[in-house]
C-alpha cells in the first residue's frame, strides 16, 4: 500500500489500462499539453503521444460525438469534461447517442466509452459551474454512473469502467483531487454496482456517495459520541443501485437517512427512499429522512454555499429525527 492523491489514483488507472490496451485513448480540453485542468493526466502526453492523449477545442458536442463514433468502431475512448456542467452541451451525444446505440442497433454496436470529470460544488464558482447531474444521467437506461469517494475506489472503479463494453459516466469532485488515500501497488478492480459498507452499526443506516461521504462520516462520528452506532454505506455506483445492501441494512437498523449533494426533486435519495419503503416498509420504525441541497441555484457567496449544501449538522439533525431524539 502507498498513500497517493485522488488525482494520482485516476491517472494510474488510465495509464495502466492504456498500457494494457492500445485501443484506449484520452480526449478532452487541456488533457495533453497542459497536463489536465486538474493535473489528472499529467505526463500522459509524453508517455503515449498526441494520437492517444488528444487536446480538443472548446466543443463538447463535437469531441463527445467523435468519441461515441470511435467507440462504435472498435476504439475505447475516455472523454474528459473540464466539469460535468459543460457536459450539458453534449448531453444529446451521451443520452441519445452512447446510451441508446446498443438497443437501437439490436445489439450490433457496443459503445465502450467513459465520460469522466468533476461534478458538484467546488467552491465559489457560481450557479452555472456547481451543479450535480448524477441523477440526470442515472435516469437514462443504457448508462452506468459511478461516483467514487476516495482514491482506492477511484482507481479500482475507473479501471472497471474503462474495461466495460458499455458507456459509463464517471463523476469525480474538484474538491477531492488532492485527497490522500491508501492504494495497492498491484492491479485490482472493483465491481460496478456494488456498494461499500464502510462502518457497521445497529441504530440507524446512513447512505451517501462521492464527497458527501465526508459529511456522512463526520455526522456518524458525532452520533458515536452520543452512544448511537451508525451503519454507513457508500453507494460507489448510482446506476445500477445496490439496493440489496441498503435494504439488508435497514432490516437491521429499522431507520434510514440518505445524504446527497443534488437538489431534492427526483434525486438518487428519492429513488432509494421509494425502493426501501416498497421493499422494507414493515421494518421501518421511522419515516425515511433525506438531506439534499436546498432547491435553489447554488450561490457564489461562501455563507450562502454553507446554508444551501448538506453538512454534518444537517445530517445529525436528520439522524436524530429518525431516532426520535428531537
C-alpha atoms as a PDB file:
ATOM      1  CA  UNK A   1       0.000   0.000   0.000  1.00  0.00           C
ATOM      2  CA  UNK A   2       1.064   3.571  -0.716  1.00  0.00           C
ATOM      3  CA  UNK A   3      -0.649   6.832   0.117  1.00  0.00           C
ATOM      4  CA  UNK A   4      -1.409   8.799  -3.051  1.00  0.00           C
ATOM      5  CA  UNK A   5      -3.726  11.586  -4.146  1.00  0.00           C
ATOM      6  CA  UNK A   6      -7.147  11.061  -5.698  1.00  0.00           C
ATOM      7  CA  UNK A   7      -5.852  12.563  -8.979  1.00  0.00           C
ATOM      8  CA  UNK A   8      -2.883  10.197  -8.958  1.00  0.00           C
ATOM      9  CA  UNK A   9      -5.169   7.193  -8.483  1.00  0.00           C
ATOM     10  CA  UNK A  10      -7.205   8.251 -11.520  1.00  0.00           C
ATOM     11  CA  UNK A  11      -4.031   8.772 -13.543  1.00  0.00           C
ATOM     12  CA  UNK A  12      -2.678   5.357 -12.577  1.00  0.00           C
ATOM     13  CA  UNK A  13      -5.944   3.743 -13.667  1.00  0.00           C
ATOM     14  CA  UNK A  14      -5.813   5.377 -17.091  1.00  0.00           C
ATOM     15  CA  UNK A  15      -2.087   4.748 -17.597  1.00  0.00           C
ATOM     16  CA  UNK A  16      -2.331   1.071 -16.640  1.00  0.00           C
ATOM     17  CA  UNK A  17      -5.320   0.498 -18.894  1.00  0.00           C
ATOM     18  CA  UNK A  18      -3.739   2.363 -21.826  1.00  0.00           C
ATOM     19  CA  UNK A  19      -0.604   0.248 -21.431  1.00  0.00           C
ATOM     20  CA  UNK A  20      -2.762  -2.880 -21.429  1.00  0.00           C
ATOM     21  CA  UNK A  21      -4.909  -1.966 -24.450  1.00  0.00           C
ATOM     22  CA  UNK A  22      -3.745   0.226 -27.327  1.00  0.00           C
ATOM     23  CA  UNK A  23      -7.353   0.877 -28.366  1.00  0.00           C
ATOM     24  CA  UNK A  24      -7.818   3.171 -25.337  1.00  0.00           C
ATOM     25  CA  UNK A  25      -7.220   6.904 -25.730  1.00  0.00           C
ATOM     26  CA  UNK A  26      -7.912  10.077 -23.708  1.00  0.00           C
ATOM     27  CA  UNK A  27      -9.518  13.149 -25.243  1.00  0.00           C
ATOM     28  CA  UNK A  28     -10.709  16.479 -23.852  1.00  0.00           C
ATOM     29  CA  UNK A  29      -9.901  20.106 -23.207  1.00  0.00           C
ATOM     30  CA  UNK A  30      -6.349  20.691 -21.896  1.00  0.00           C
ATOM     31  CA  UNK A  31      -5.725  16.992 -21.173  1.00  0.00           C
ATOM     32  CA  UNK A  32      -2.461  16.897 -23.154  1.00  0.00           C
ATOM     33  CA  UNK A  33      -0.101  19.890 -23.360  1.00  0.00           C
ATOM     34  CA  UNK A  34      -1.412  21.462 -20.148  1.00  0.00           C
ATOM     35  CA  UNK A  35      -1.336  18.099 -18.306  1.00  0.00           C
ATOM     36  CA  UNK A  36      -5.030  18.363 -17.470  1.00  0.00           C
ATOM     37  CA  UNK A  37      -7.014  21.180 -15.897  1.00  0.00           C
ATOM     38  CA  UNK A  38      -6.627  19.406 -12.534  1.00  0.00           C
ATOM     39  CA  UNK A  39      -3.368  17.616 -13.428  1.00  0.00           C
ATOM     40  CA  UNK A  40      -5.080  14.225 -13.579  1.00  0.00           C
ATOM     41  CA  UNK A  41      -3.437  13.470 -16.942  1.00  0.00           C
ATOM     42  CA  UNK A  42      -0.014  14.886 -16.021  1.00  0.00           C
ATOM     43  CA  UNK A  43       2.745  13.229 -18.035  1.00  0.00           C
ATOM     44  CA  UNK A  44       0.407  11.157 -20.173  1.00  0.00           C
ATOM     45  CA  UNK A  45       1.125  13.071 -23.401  1.00  0.00           C
ATOM     46  CA  UNK A  46       4.848  12.327 -23.081  1.00  0.00           C
ATOM     47  CA  UNK A  47       4.116   8.688 -22.309  1.00  0.00           C
ATOM     48  CA  UNK A  48       1.563   7.928 -25.022  1.00  0.00           C
ATOM     49  CA  UNK A  49       1.939  10.683 -27.619  1.00  0.00           C
ATOM     50  CA  UNK A  50      -0.580  13.039 -29.292  1.00  0.00           C
ATOM     51  CA  UNK A  51      -2.517  10.256 -31.057  1.00  0.00           C
ATOM     52  CA  UNK A  52      -3.666   8.796 -27.735  1.00  0.00           C
ATOM     53  CA  UNK A  53      -3.766  11.890 -25.488  1.00  0.00           C
ATOM     54  CA  UNK A  54      -5.651  14.459 -27.511  1.00  0.00           C
ATOM     55  CA  UNK A  55      -6.320  18.118 -26.797  1.00  0.00           C
ATOM     56  CA  UNK A  56      -9.640  19.334 -28.194  1.00  0.00           C
ATOM     57  CA  UNK A  57     -11.219  22.689 -28.974  1.00  0.00           C
ATOM     58  CA  UNK A  58     -13.851  24.036 -26.581  1.00  0.00           C
ATOM     59  CA  UNK A  59     -16.518  21.988 -28.353  1.00  0.00           C
ATOM     60  CA  UNK A  60     -18.007  19.368 -26.038  1.00  0.00           C
ATOM     61  CA  UNK A  61     -20.676  18.309 -28.507  1.00  0.00           C
ATOM     62  CA  UNK A  62     -18.058  17.791 -31.207  1.00  0.00           C
ATOM     63  CA  UNK A  63     -15.453  15.793 -29.326  1.00  0.00           C
ATOM     64  CA  UNK A  64     -18.078  13.786 -27.438  1.00  0.00           C
ATOM     65  CA  UNK A  65     -19.731  12.803 -30.707  1.00  0.00           C
ATOM     66  CA  UNK A  66     -16.329  11.908 -32.133  1.00  0.00           C
ATOM     67  CA  UNK A  67     -15.719   9.695 -29.113  1.00  0.00           C
ATOM     68  CA  UNK A  68     -19.053   7.912 -29.482  1.00  0.00           C
ATOM     69  CA  UNK A  69     -18.327   7.203 -33.141  1.00  0.00           C
ATOM     70  CA  UNK A  70     -14.837   5.955 -32.299  1.00  0.00           C
ATOM     71  CA  UNK A  71     -16.264   3.608 -29.656  1.00  0.00           C
ATOM     72  CA  UNK A  72     -18.772   2.218 -32.155  1.00  0.00           C
ATOM     73  CA  UNK A  73     -15.875   1.406 -34.460  1.00  0.00           C
ATOM     74  CA  UNK A  74     -13.671  -0.543 -32.062  1.00  0.00           C
ATOM     75  CA  UNK A  75     -11.774   2.053 -30.031  1.00  0.00           C
ATOM     76  CA  UNK A  76     -12.240   2.671 -26.294  1.00  0.00           C
ATOM     77  CA  UNK A  77     -12.250   6.430 -25.621  1.00  0.00           C
ATOM     78  CA  UNK A  78     -12.020   8.225 -22.297  1.00  0.00           C
ATOM     79  CA  UNK A  79     -13.715  11.612 -22.696  1.00  0.00           C
ATOM     80  CA  UNK A  80     -12.804  14.175 -20.046  1.00  0.00           C
ATOM     81  CA  UNK A  81     -15.104  17.094 -19.329  1.00  0.00           C
ATOM     82  CA  UNK A  82     -13.472  20.014 -17.553  1.00  0.00           C
ATOM     83  CA  UNK A  83     -16.630  19.934 -15.457  1.00  0.00           C
ATOM     84  CA  UNK A  84     -19.851  17.979 -15.886  1.00  0.00           C
ATOM     85  CA  UNK A  85     -21.619  21.319 -16.094  1.00  0.00           C
ATOM     86  CA  UNK A  86     -20.111  21.506 -19.592  1.00  0.00           C
ATOM     87  CA  UNK A  87     -21.393  18.042 -20.460  1.00  0.00           C
ATOM     88  CA  UNK A  88     -24.829  19.598 -20.931  1.00  0.00           C
ATOM     89  CA  UNK A  89     -23.556  20.935 -24.249  1.00  0.00           C
ATOM     90  CA  UNK A  90     -23.007  17.284 -25.254  1.00  0.00           C
ATOM     91  CA  UNK A  91     -25.941  15.655 -23.462  1.00  0.00           C
ATOM     92  CA  UNK A  92     -27.586  14.669 -26.754  1.00  0.00           C
ATOM     93  CA  UNK A  93     -24.460  12.745 -27.750  1.00  0.00           C
ATOM     94  CA  UNK A  94     -24.416  10.958 -24.370  1.00  0.00           C
ATOM     95  CA  UNK A  95     -28.126  10.280 -23.854  1.00  0.00           C
ATOM     96  CA  UNK A  96     -29.340   9.873 -27.436  1.00  0.00           C
ATOM     97  CA  UNK A  97     -26.092   8.513 -28.871  1.00  0.00           C
ATOM     98  CA  UNK A  98     -23.960   6.455 -26.494  1.00  0.00           C
ATOM     99  CA  UNK A  99     -26.739   5.309 -24.162  1.00  0.00           C
ATOM    100  CA  UNK A 100     -29.184   4.116 -26.817  1.00  0.00           C
ATOM    101  CA  UNK A 101     -26.940   2.724 -29.546  1.00  0.00           C
ATOM    102  CA  UNK A 102     -26.799  -0.872 -28.258  1.00  0.00           C
ATOM    103  CA  UNK A 103     -30.597  -1.110 -28.024  1.00  0.00           C
ATOM    104  CA  UNK A 104     -31.308   0.719 -31.281  1.00  0.00           C
ATOM    105  CA  UNK A 105     -28.820  -1.411 -33.207  1.00  0.00           C
ATOM    106  CA  UNK A 106     -30.322  -4.636 -31.885  1.00  0.00           C
ATOM    107  CA  UNK A 107     -27.111  -5.434 -30.056  1.00  0.00           C
ATOM    108  CA  UNK A 108     -24.861  -4.887 -33.078  1.00  0.00           C
ATOM    109  CA  UNK A 109     -22.983  -1.937 -31.544  1.00  0.00           C
ATOM    110  CA  UNK A 110     -21.472  -1.710 -28.103  1.00  0.00           C
ATOM    111  CA  UNK A 111     -20.230   1.743 -27.100  1.00  0.00           C
ATOM    112  CA  UNK A 112     -17.256   1.179 -24.746  1.00  0.00           C
ATOM    113  CA  UNK A 113     -16.676   4.780 -23.673  1.00  0.00           C
ATOM    114  CA  UNK A 114     -16.044   6.537 -20.364  1.00  0.00           C
ATOM    115  CA  UNK A 115     -17.194  10.107 -19.758  1.00  0.00           C
ATOM    116  CA  UNK A 116     -15.314  11.464 -16.752  1.00  0.00           C
ATOM    117  CA  UNK A 117     -14.677  14.721 -14.919  1.00  0.00           C
ATOM    118  CA  UNK A 118     -15.656  16.711 -11.812  1.00  0.00           C
ATOM    119  CA  UNK A 119     -19.197  17.193 -10.556  1.00  0.00           C
ATOM    120  CA  UNK A 120     -20.918  19.356  -7.961  1.00  0.00           C
ATOM    121  CA  UNK A 121     -19.846  22.282  -5.853  1.00  0.00           C
ATOM    122  CA  UNK A 122     -16.172  23.220  -5.919  1.00  0.00           C
ATOM    123  CA  UNK A 123     -16.225  26.479  -4.006  1.00  0.00           C
ATOM    124  CA  UNK A 124     -17.077  29.968  -5.168  1.00  0.00           C
ATOM    125  CA  UNK A 125     -17.786  29.212  -8.833  1.00  0.00           C
ATOM    126  CA  UNK A 126     -21.367  30.418  -9.204  1.00  0.00           C
ATOM    127  CA  UNK A 127     -24.602  28.661 -10.078  1.00  0.00           C
ATOM    128  CA  UNK A 128     -23.628  27.525 -13.596  1.00  0.00           C
ATOM    129  CA  UNK A 129     -20.442  25.744 -12.516  1.00  0.00           C
ATOM    130  CA  UNK A 130     -21.509  23.984  -9.322  1.00  0.00           C
ATOM    131  CA  UNK A 131     -24.296  21.557 -10.198  1.00  0.00           C
ATOM    132  CA  UNK A 132     -24.867  17.843  -9.687  1.00  0.00           C
ATOM    133  CA  UNK A 133     -26.129  15.774 -12.595  1.00  0.00           C
ATOM    134  CA  UNK A 134     -25.620  12.257 -11.241  1.00  0.00           C
ATOM    135  CA  UNK A 135     -29.369  11.772 -11.004  1.00  0.00           C
ATOM    136  CA  UNK A 136     -29.886  13.141 -14.531  1.00  0.00           C
ATOM    137  CA  UNK A 137     -27.561  10.600 -16.106  1.00  0.00           C
ATOM    138  CA  UNK A 138     -28.685   7.805 -13.785  1.00  0.00           C
ATOM    139  CA  UNK A 139     -32.220   8.359 -15.096  1.00  0.00           C
ATOM    140  CA  UNK A 140     -31.154   7.222 -18.576  1.00  0.00           C
ATOM    141  CA  UNK A 141     -31.217   3.478 -19.448  1.00  0.00           C
ATOM    142  CA  UNK A 142     -28.010   2.392 -21.132  1.00  0.00           C
ATOM    143  CA  UNK A 143     -25.668   4.396 -18.919  1.00  0.00           C
ATOM    144  CA  UNK A 144     -23.795   3.286 -15.815  1.00  0.00           C
ATOM    145  CA  UNK A 145     -22.994   6.077 -13.348  1.00  0.00           C
ATOM    146  CA  UNK A 146     -20.118   5.913 -10.848  1.00  0.00           C
ATOM    147  CA  UNK A 147     -19.263   8.478  -8.137  1.00  0.00           C
ATOM    148  CA  UNK A 148     -16.204   7.425  -6.078  1.00  0.00           C
ATOM    149  CA  UNK A 149     -15.415   8.857  -2.634  1.00  0.00           C
ATOM    150  CA  UNK A 150     -11.700   8.055  -2.157  1.00  0.00           C
ATOM    151  CA  UNK A 151      -8.517   7.234  -4.101  1.00  0.00           C
ATOM    152  CA  UNK A 152      -8.792   3.441  -3.640  1.00  0.00           C
ATOM    153  CA  UNK A 153     -12.309   3.349  -5.046  1.00  0.00           C
ATOM    154  CA  UNK A 154     -11.455   5.851  -7.771  1.00  0.00           C
ATOM    155  CA  UNK A 155      -8.706   3.677  -9.237  1.00  0.00           C
ATOM    156  CA  UNK A 156     -10.496   0.339  -8.955  1.00  0.00           C
ATOM    157  CA  UNK A 157     -13.777   1.659 -10.325  1.00  0.00           C
ATOM    158  CA  UNK A 158     -12.204   3.649 -13.171  1.00  0.00           C
ATOM    159  CA  UNK A 159     -10.315   0.581 -14.359  1.00  0.00           C
ATOM    160  CA  UNK A 160     -13.579  -1.385 -14.338  1.00  0.00           C
ATOM    161  CA  UNK A 161     -15.328   1.434 -16.191  1.00  0.00           C
ATOM    162  CA  UNK A 162     -12.655   1.517 -18.909  1.00  0.00           C
ATOM    163  CA  UNK A 163     -12.954  -2.246 -19.384  1.00  0.00           C
ATOM    164  CA  UNK A 164     -16.754  -2.136 -19.560  1.00  0.00           C
ATOM    165  CA  UNK A 165     -18.233  -2.659 -23.026  1.00  0.00           C
ATOM    166  CA  UNK A 166     -20.960  -0.083 -22.487  1.00  0.00           C
ATOM    167  CA  UNK A 167     -20.934   3.669 -21.731  1.00  0.00           C
ATOM    168  CA  UNK A 168     -20.014   4.736 -18.207  1.00  0.00           C
ATOM    169  CA  UNK A 169     -20.387   8.193 -16.670  1.00  0.00           C
ATOM    170  CA  UNK A 170     -17.621   8.578 -14.086  1.00  0.00           C
ATOM    171  CA  UNK A 171     -18.113  11.612 -11.836  1.00  0.00           C
ATOM    172  CA  UNK A 172     -15.393  12.999  -9.575  1.00  0.00           C
ATOM    173  CA  UNK A 173     -15.018  16.181  -7.491  1.00  0.00           C
ATOM    174  CA  UNK A 174     -12.654  19.117  -7.825  1.00  0.00           C
ATOM    175  CA  UNK A 175     -12.535  19.299  -4.034  1.00  0.00           C
ATOM    176  CA  UNK A 176     -11.263  15.708  -3.800  1.00  0.00           C
ATOM    177  CA  UNK A 177      -8.412  15.662  -6.325  1.00  0.00           C
ATOM    178  CA  UNK A 178      -5.876  16.370  -3.585  1.00  0.00           C
ATOM    179  CA  UNK A 179      -7.366  13.894  -1.098  1.00  0.00           C
ATOM    180  CA  UNK A 180      -4.945  11.233   0.124  1.00  0.00           C
ATOM    181  CA  UNK A 181      -5.687   7.539   0.499  1.00  0.00           C
ATOM    182  CA  UNK A 182      -4.066   4.121   0.538  1.00  0.00           C
ATOM    183  CA  UNK A 183      -3.941   2.385  -2.854  1.00  0.00           C
ATOM    184  CA  UNK A 184      -2.322  -1.015  -3.557  1.00  0.00           C
ATOM    185  CA  UNK A 185       0.584  -1.263  -5.965  1.00  0.00           C
ATOM    186  CA  UNK A 186      -0.822  -4.432  -7.546  1.00  0.00           C
ATOM    187  CA  UNK A 187      -3.610  -4.422 -10.128  1.00  0.00           C
ATOM    188  CA  UNK A 188      -7.153  -4.581  -8.760  1.00  0.00           C
ATOM    189  CA  UNK A 189     -10.675  -3.941  -9.992  1.00  0.00           C
ATOM    190  CA  UNK A 190     -13.817  -3.004  -8.078  1.00  0.00           C
ATOM    191  CA  UNK A 191     -17.205  -4.246  -9.281  1.00  0.00           C
ATOM    192  CA  UNK A 192     -19.617  -1.731 -10.764  1.00  0.00           C
ATOM    193  CA  UNK A 193     -22.942  -1.754  -8.945  1.00  0.00           C
ATOM    194  CA  UNK A 194     -21.737  -2.944  -5.532  1.00  0.00           C
ATOM    195  CA  UNK A 195     -21.917  -0.610  -2.518  1.00  0.00           C
ATOM    196  CA  UNK A 196     -19.279  -0.471   0.208  1.00  0.00           C
ATOM    197  CA  UNK A 197     -20.212  -0.994   3.861  1.00  0.00           C
ATOM    198  CA  UNK A 198     -17.810   1.467   5.472  1.00  0.00           C
ATOM    199  CA  UNK A 199     -18.942   1.090   9.056  1.00  0.00           C
ATOM    200  CA  UNK A 200     -21.279  -1.335  10.779  1.00  0.00           C
ATOM    201  CA  UNK A 201     -23.907  -0.136  13.236  1.00  0.00           C
ATOM    202  CA  UNK A 202     -27.216  -1.133  14.756  1.00  0.00           C
ATOM    203  CA  UNK A 203     -29.174   2.082  15.399  1.00  0.00           C
ATOM    204  CA  UNK A 204     -29.584   3.776  12.016  1.00  0.00           C
ATOM    205  CA  UNK A 205     -28.481   3.321   8.384  1.00  0.00           C
ATOM    206  CA  UNK A 206     -26.767   6.289   6.717  1.00  0.00           C
ATOM    207  CA  UNK A 207     -26.300   6.167   2.929  1.00  0.00           C
ATOM    208  CA  UNK A 208     -24.288   8.551   0.766  1.00  0.00           C
ATOM    209  CA  UNK A 209     -21.744   8.694  -2.072  1.00  0.00           C
ATOM    210  CA  UNK A 210     -18.983  10.861  -3.542  1.00  0.00           C
ATOM    211  CA  UNK A 211     -17.627  13.694  -1.457  1.00  0.00           C
ATOM    212  CA  UNK A 212     -20.771  13.666   0.692  1.00  0.00           C
ATOM    213  CA  UNK A 213     -19.292  10.559   2.349  1.00  0.00           C
ATOM    214  CA  UNK A 214     -17.102  13.033   4.268  1.00  0.00           C
ATOM    215  CA  UNK A 215     -20.218  14.765   5.568  1.00  0.00           C
ATOM    216  CA  UNK A 216     -21.845  11.450   6.441  1.00  0.00           C
ATOM    217  CA  UNK A 217     -18.698  10.178   8.188  1.00  0.00           C
ATOM    218  CA  UNK A 218     -18.444  13.338  10.290  1.00  0.00           C
ATOM    219  CA  UNK A 219     -22.099  13.041  11.304  1.00  0.00           C
ATOM    220  CA  UNK A 220     -21.609   9.369  12.205  1.00  0.00           C
ATOM    221  CA  UNK A 221     -18.717  10.297  14.485  1.00  0.00           C
ATOM    222  CA  UNK A 222     -20.831  12.934  16.214  1.00  0.00           C
ATOM    223  CA  UNK A 223     -23.548  10.344  16.854  1.00  0.00           C
ATOM    224  CA  UNK A 224     -20.957   7.900  18.186  1.00  0.00           C
ATOM    225  CA  UNK A 225     -20.046  10.356  20.930  1.00  0.00           C
ATOM    226  CA  UNK A 226     -23.718  10.248  21.950  1.00  0.00           C
ATOM    227  CA  UNK A 227     -23.822   6.455  22.104  1.00  0.00           C
ATOM    228  CA  UNK A 228     -25.515   5.948  18.709  1.00  0.00           C
ATOM    229  CA  UNK A 229     -23.984   3.459  16.254  1.00  0.00           C
ATOM    230  CA  UNK A 230     -24.460   4.356  12.600  1.00  0.00           C
ATOM    231  CA  UNK A 231     -24.221   1.856   9.745  1.00  0.00           C
ATOM    232  CA  UNK A 232     -22.536   3.851   6.964  1.00  0.00           C
ATOM    233  CA  UNK A 233     -22.900   2.768   3.330  1.00  0.00           C
ATOM    234  CA  UNK A 234     -21.040   4.283   0.360  1.00  0.00           C
ATOM    235  CA  UNK A 235     -23.042   3.614  -2.803  1.00  0.00           C
ATOM    236  CA  UNK A 236     -19.999   3.982  -5.099  1.00  0.00           C
ATOM    237  CA  UNK A 237     -22.341   3.451  -8.071  1.00  0.00           C
ATOM    238  CA  UNK A 238     -25.683   5.235  -8.504  1.00  0.00           C
ATOM    239  CA  UNK A 239     -26.663   3.269 -11.604  1.00  0.00           C
ATOM    240  CA  UNK A 240     -27.011   0.392 -11.065  1.00  0.00           C
ATOM    241  CA  UNK A 241     -28.009   0.930  -7.425  1.00  0.00           C
ATOM    242  CA  UNK A 242     -27.059  -1.722  -4.901  1.00  0.00           C
ATOM    243  CA  UNK A 243     -30.471  -1.729  -3.244  1.00  0.00           C
ATOM    244  CA  UNK A 244     -29.979  -5.130  -1.627  1.00  0.00           C
ATOM    245  CA  UNK A 245     -27.162  -3.838   0.599  1.00  0.00           C
ATOM    246  CA  UNK A 246     -29.270  -0.865   1.692  1.00  0.00           C
ATOM    247  CA  UNK A 247     -32.396  -2.927   2.343  1.00  0.00           C
ATOM    248  CA  UNK A 248     -30.449  -5.549   4.269  1.00  0.00           C
ATOM    249  CA  UNK A 249     -29.026  -2.802   6.475  1.00  0.00           C
ATOM    250  CA  UNK A 250     -32.419  -1.164   7.047  1.00  0.00           C
ATOM    251  CA  UNK A 251     -33.863  -4.513   8.110  1.00  0.00           C
ATOM    252  CA  UNK A 252     -31.227  -4.496  10.852  1.00  0.00           C
ATOM    253  CA  UNK A 253     -31.345  -0.836  11.957  1.00  0.00           C
ATOM    254  CA  UNK A 254     -35.004  -0.015  11.098  1.00  0.00           C
ATOM    255  CA  UNK A 255     -34.094   3.570  10.218  1.00  0.00           C
ATOM    256  CA  UNK A 256     -32.643   5.301   7.155  1.00  0.00           C
ATOM    257  CA  UNK A 257     -31.066   8.674   6.327  1.00  0.00           C
ATOM    258  CA  UNK A 258     -29.689   9.498   2.863  1.00  0.00           C
ATOM    259  CA  UNK A 259     -27.238  12.341   2.185  1.00  0.00           C
ATOM    260  CA  UNK A 260     -26.825  13.637  -1.373  1.00  0.00           C
ATOM    261  CA  UNK A 261     -25.500  16.906  -2.772  1.00  0.00           C
ATOM    262  CA  UNK A 262     -28.028  17.155  -5.618  1.00  0.00           C
ATOM    263  CA  UNK A 263     -31.310  19.048  -5.488  1.00  0.00           C
ATOM    264  CA  UNK A 264     -34.121  17.181  -3.698  1.00  0.00           C
ATOM    265  CA  UNK A 265     -36.650  16.658  -6.508  1.00  0.00           C
ATOM    266  CA  UNK A 266     -36.160  13.354  -8.370  1.00  0.00           C
ATOM    267  CA  UNK A 267     -32.812  12.777  -6.656  1.00  0.00           C
ATOM    268  CA  UNK A 268     -30.998   9.473  -6.096  1.00  0.00           C
ATOM    269  CA  UNK A 269     -32.114   9.818  -2.475  1.00  0.00           C
ATOM    270  CA  UNK A 270     -35.744   9.998  -3.608  1.00  0.00           C
ATOM    271  CA  UNK A 271     -35.426   6.727  -5.518  1.00  0.00           C
ATOM    272  CA  UNK A 272     -33.728   4.983  -2.598  1.00  0.00           C
ATOM    273  CA  UNK A 273     -36.461   6.174  -0.241  1.00  0.00           C
ATOM    274  CA  UNK A 274     -39.146   4.837  -2.586  1.00  0.00           C
ATOM    275  CA  UNK A 275     -37.441   1.466  -3.036  1.00  0.00           C
ATOM    276  CA  UNK A 276     -36.854   0.985   0.693  1.00  0.00           C
ATOM    277  CA  UNK A 277     -40.445   1.798   1.648  1.00  0.00           C
ATOM    278  CA  UNK A 278     -41.625  -0.513  -1.124  1.00  0.00           C
ATOM    279  CA  UNK A 279     -39.394  -3.435  -0.164  1.00  0.00           C
ATOM    280  CA  UNK A 280     -38.833  -2.976   3.577  1.00  0.00           C
ATOM    281  CA  UNK A 281     -41.804  -0.960   4.820  1.00  0.00           C
ATOM    282  CA  UNK A 282     -42.588  -3.332   7.678  1.00  0.00           C
ATOM    283  CA  UNK A 283     -39.050  -2.934   9.029  1.00  0.00           C
ATOM    284  CA  UNK A 284     -39.139   0.872   9.255  1.00  0.00           C
ATOM    285  CA  UNK A 285     -39.615   2.379  12.713  1.00  0.00           C
ATOM    286  CA  UNK A 286     -39.494   5.972  11.456  1.00  0.00           C
ATOM    287  CA  UNK A 287     -40.077   7.889   8.217  1.00  0.00           C
ATOM    288  CA  UNK A 288     -37.026   7.987   5.942  1.00  0.00           C
ATOM    289  CA  UNK A 289     -35.111  11.275   6.013  1.00  0.00           C
ATOM    290  CA  UNK A 290     -33.044  12.683   3.144  1.00  0.00           C
ATOM    291  CA  UNK A 291     -30.546  15.521   3.273  1.00  0.00           C
ATOM    292  CA  UNK A 292     -30.095  17.320  -0.060  1.00  0.00           C
ATOM    293  CA  UNK A 293     -29.017  20.771  -1.175  1.00  0.00           C
ATOM    294  CA  UNK A 294     -31.751  23.370  -0.920  1.00  0.00           C
ATOM    295  CA  UNK A 295     -33.957  23.645  -4.001  1.00  0.00           C
ATOM    296  CA  UNK A 296     -32.195  26.755  -5.358  1.00  0.00           C
ATOM    297  CA  UNK A 297     -29.277  27.518  -7.714  1.00  0.00           C
ATOM    298  CA  UNK A 298     -26.047  27.447  -5.729  1.00  0.00           C
ATOM    299  CA  UNK A 299     -24.915  30.931  -4.760  1.00  0.00           C
ATOM    300  CA  UNK A 300     -21.421  32.413  -5.065  1.00  0.00           C
ATOM    301  CA  UNK A 301     -21.111  33.747  -1.506  1.00  0.00           C
ATOM    302  CA  UNK A 302     -19.469  31.234   0.854  1.00  0.00           C
ATOM    303  CA  UNK A 303     -22.023  31.917   3.600  1.00  0.00           C
ATOM    304  CA  UNK A 304     -24.852  31.042   1.207  1.00  0.00           C
ATOM    305  CA  UNK A 305     -22.988  27.967  -0.071  1.00  0.00           C
ATOM    306  CA  UNK A 306     -22.803  26.715   3.517  1.00  0.00           C
ATOM    307  CA  UNK A 307     -26.511  27.380   4.003  1.00  0.00           C
ATOM    308  CA  UNK A 308     -27.513  25.577   0.792  1.00  0.00           C
ATOM    309  CA  UNK A 309     -25.344  22.436   0.812  1.00  0.00           C
ATOM    310  CA  UNK A 310     -25.710  19.365   3.026  1.00  0.00           C
ATOM    311  CA  UNK A 311     -23.390  19.367   6.017  1.00  0.00           C
ATOM    312  CA  UNK A 312     -22.704  17.337   9.137  1.00  0.00           C
ATOM    313  CA  UNK A 313     -25.012  19.418  11.339  1.00  0.00           C
ATOM    314  CA  UNK A 314     -27.983  18.934   8.991  1.00  0.00           C
ATOM    315  CA  UNK A 315     -27.191  15.229   8.789  1.00  0.00           C
ATOM    316  CA  UNK A 316     -27.010  14.897  12.577  1.00  0.00           C
ATOM    317  CA  UNK A 317     -30.418  16.585  12.803  1.00  0.00           C
ATOM    318  CA  UNK A 318     -31.840  14.056  10.322  1.00  0.00           C
ATOM    319  CA  UNK A 319     -30.311  11.146  12.245  1.00  0.00           C
ATOM    320  CA  UNK A 320     -31.801  12.440  15.490  1.00  0.00           C
ATOM    321  CA  UNK A 321     -35.170  12.850  13.791  1.00  0.00           C
ATOM    322  CA  UNK A 322     -35.395   9.186  12.756  1.00  0.00           C
ATOM    323  CA  UNK A 323     -34.256   8.189  16.253  1.00  0.00           C
ATOM    324  CA  UNK A 324     -36.899  10.474  17.838  1.00  0.00           C
ATOM    325  CA  UNK A 325     -34.203  12.363  19.706  1.00  0.00           C
ATOM    326  CA  UNK A 326     -35.530  15.812  18.720  1.00  0.00           C
END
